[in-house]
Amino acid sequence: PLRRLLAALCAQLPEAAAAALRRGALDAAVEGKEPGALALPPAMLLGNLRPLADWSFGQPLLQAACRAASDPSRAAYEPLALEALEATLVASPQDKVETLLGDFRKAFEPVLRGGGGSSAEEARGAARCWAAAGGALLRRGGFTAAADKFMKALLSALEERDAPLTPFVPVAFQVMMPPSFESGGTDVATKLPPLALQQLSRTVLPSLLTVAKAAASSAPSGVCPSGSAGKAALESAVTLLAALPTEVSCADCQEEMRWCTLTGLRYLKEDAPDGRILATQVLQLLVRAARRGTAWVEDDLASVVQPIVAACATHPVPLVRLGCLQALKSMTEKSQGHMLSFKRPIEQALRKSVEDKKREVRLLAVACLNSWHCGLTAERV
């Protein structure tokens, strides 16, 4: 709405007045007196408006966006600030990008390297700003080397012991690839272009899995504690796999998807706030694999059915309960004959789910129970 309003105003005003309006909007964001003004730059820079010839505001605007995104007292304006940061890098002239990136690195590299006694809030803000800049470069194209450096800086935080940035690496990946929990288990529009996502799956995903597997092999029951490099690497890998098109994740990245899903299911018992996105995205991957009839789902039924049956009626997050029921329904429709050994726990869990407090969960539980009983009838026939 704001973008359309500004475009309409600029179209009706004389050229001089329109230029003054565009410049005034950007100046308001740069001054930072009213953080809500950061909603203006994305509309001005990425909208269908005539670009400004004078880009002297680029550096101050980038600095204002970074300050707002890393200021804990302005958390409500963080999404606006990150969008303004991305818009500045995407829309800036080609010859201005390197200068902006140089100033950006000076501001955040010390925090990413753990210097200066950075606090958790500063590390989180730096991770989000760093990821927004890296995502903007990937969306823009033509800055492959610079984007690779941004990604390597995030990965290096997983290799350093007790680095302040480590717990926030998954947050950085979620800035670049915002989680989207569609109801149909189908592909959705992503922030990064498909080609950039496939590039990350070849260059970044192997490094994430190396860290995650090494940590899981030495952790009790393969479950790493919150804030550790192993769990952060797993969460980041799951976010990347969930952002990939279903065809790519289930075919080209099948082994990576299998390991991440089976390992991630072990975390369903946890109720930590930072683990809820992980649980939901792991179930998202499982639903996609089950609906495609991927072979590993049947091969690892015991490792799949037991955790989702336990969570579908007891997990405190409704979206996780829905994901468990979606996965169970898809597996019932594809391979019920292999699931008969789990008949009693499945039916007990579904009877509890049909009495869930949430209507959406009850409806899906009824559909899942119908699929289960219809499958049993077909088996007898």
Foldseek 3Di string as FASTA:
>chain_A
DVLVVLVVVLVPDPVVVNVVVLVVLLVVLLVLPDLVSLLNQLSSQVHPDDDDPDCPSLQSNLVSLLCLLLDPVNVVSNVSSLSNNLSSLQRPDPVCNVVNVVVLCVVQVCLLVQPDVDDLSNLLSSLQNLLSNLLSDQQNDPPVVVSVVSLVSLLVQLVDPPRSNQLNSLVSLCSSWPDDQDLPLAADDTSGDQVSLVVCCVPPLVSLVVSLVVVLVPDVVSDDDRSHSNVSSLSSNLSSLLNHHLVCCCPVVVVVLLVSLLSLLVCLVDDDPVSPVSLLSSLSSLLSCLQVVRPVCLVPVVSLLVSLLVNLQDRPDPSSVSSSLSNLQSNLQRPVVSVVVVVVSNVVSLVNQCVDPDPVSNVSSVVSVVSNVVSVVVVVD
